Amino acid sequence: MSANLFLTTLCLPLATILIVFGMRYWSVVQQAKARLASDEAYRKTAETAAAAEAQTAASLAAIQASLAEIGVRLGAVEKVLKDVG
């Protein structure tokens, strides 16, 4: 058996093993990058939802205040109508 053939039969399986492990490492890195991008997207969505919720709560408080004021005015109008009638 020649030395070149012997070295080739040793190097090819070792190179294959190294390539497989390299591909697995690359795959893990790409999955981590994708997960990080997904987490950032979820974080931005959560921030947007929190801001919208705060704005909705403020609008609801303003509507409740207006409704309370309308109730007070309606009570005054009813009192006037009772006094007149």
Protein backbone atom coordinates (compact mmCIF):
# COMPACT_ATOMS: atom_id res chain seq x y z
CA MET A 1 0.00 0.00 0.00
CA SER A 2 1.40 3.38 -0.92
CA ALA A 3 1.77 6.22 1.55
CA ASN A 4 -0.51 8.57 -0.42
CA LEU A 5 -3.35 6.06 -0.42
CA PHE A 6 -2.85 5.41 3.30
CA LEU A 7 -2.92 9.14 4.16
CA THR A 8 -5.95 9.69 1.94
CA THR A 9 -7.91 6.92 3.64
CA LEU A 10 -7.05 8.43 7.02
CA CYS A 11 -7.69 12.07 6.12
CA LEU A 12 -11.02 11.69 4.30
CA PRO A 13 -12.98 10.29 7.30
CA LEU A 14 -11.34 12.82 9.64
CA ALA A 15 -12.17 15.65 7.25
CA THR A 16 -15.75 14.37 7.00
CA ILE A 17 -16.06 14.35 10.79
CA LEU A 18 -14.67 17.88 11.00
CA ILE A 19 -17.05 19.08 8.30
CA VAL A 20 -20.04 17.52 10.06
CA PHE A 21 -19.13 19.14 13.39
CA GLY A 22 -18.48 22.44 11.64
CA MET A 23 -21.89 22.31 10.00
CA ARG A 24 -23.55 21.51 13.34
CA TYR A 25 -21.78 24.45 14.99
CA TRP A 26 -22.82 26.77 12.16
CA SER A 27 -26.41 25.50 12.46
CA VAL A 28 -26.46 26.19 16.21
CA VAL A 29 -25.12 29.70 15.64
CA GLN A 30 -27.76 30.42 12.99
CA GLN A 31 -30.53 29.12 15.25
CA ALA A 32 -29.32 31.35 18.08
CA LYS A 33 -29.34 34.37 15.74
CA ALA A 34 -32.85 33.55 14.58
CA ARG A 35 -34.03 33.12 18.19
CA LEU A 36 -32.49 36.47 19.13
CA ALA A 37 -34.22 38.20 16.23
CA SER A 38 -37.50 36.57 17.20
CA ASP A 39 -37.07 37.66 20.83
CA GLU A 40 -36.43 41.24 19.69
CA ALA A 41 -39.60 41.16 17.59
CA TYR A 42 -41.62 39.90 20.56
CA ARG A 43 -40.09 42.57 22.79
CA LYS A 44 -41.03 45.33 20.33
CA THR A 45 -44.55 43.92 20.02
CA ALA A 46 -44.89 43.84 23.81
CA GLU A 47 -43.68 47.44 24.10
CA THR A 48 -46.17 48.54 21.43
CA ALA A 49 -48.98 46.68 23.20
CA ALA A 50 -48.06 48.25 26.54
CA ALA A 51 -48.07 51.72 25.01
CA ALA A 52 -51.44 51.09 23.37
CA GLU A 53 -52.83 49.78 26.67
CA ALA A 54 -51.66 52.91 28.49
CA GLN A 55 -53.22 55.13 25.83
CA THR A 56 -56.47 53.17 26.03
CA ALA A 57 -56.51 53.48 29.82
CA ALA A 58 -56.02 57.24 29.56
CA SER A 59 -58.85 57.50 27.02
CA LEU A 60 -61.11 55.41 29.22
CA ALA A 61 -60.38 57.65 32.22
CA ALA A 62 -61.25 60.73 30.14
CA ILE A 63 -64.49 59.14 28.95
CA GLN A 64 -65.43 58.20 32.53
CA ALA A 65 -64.77 61.76 33.69
CA SER A 66 -66.93 63.15 30.88
CA LEU A 67 -69.68 60.67 31.69
CA ALA A 68 -69.59 61.67 35.36
CA GLU A 69 -69.85 65.34 34.38
CA ILE A 70 -72.80 64.58 32.09
CA GLY A 71 -74.46 62.71 34.96
CA VAL A 72 -74.07 65.72 37.24
CA ARG A 73 -75.50 68.04 34.59
CA LEU A 74 -78.40 65.68 33.92
CA GLY A 75 -79.17 65.63 37.64
CA ALA A 76 -79.24 69.43 37.67
CA VAL A 77 -81.57 69.50 34.65
CA GLU A 78 -83.91 66.97 36.31
CA LYS A 79 -83.97 69.07 39.47
CA VAL A 80 -84.87 72.21 37.50
CA LEU A 81 -87.60 70.34 35.64
CA LYS A 82 -89.03 69.00 38.92
CA ASP A 83 -88.98 72.48 40.44
CA VAL A 84 -90.72 73.99 37.40
CA GLY A 85 -93.28 71.21 37.03
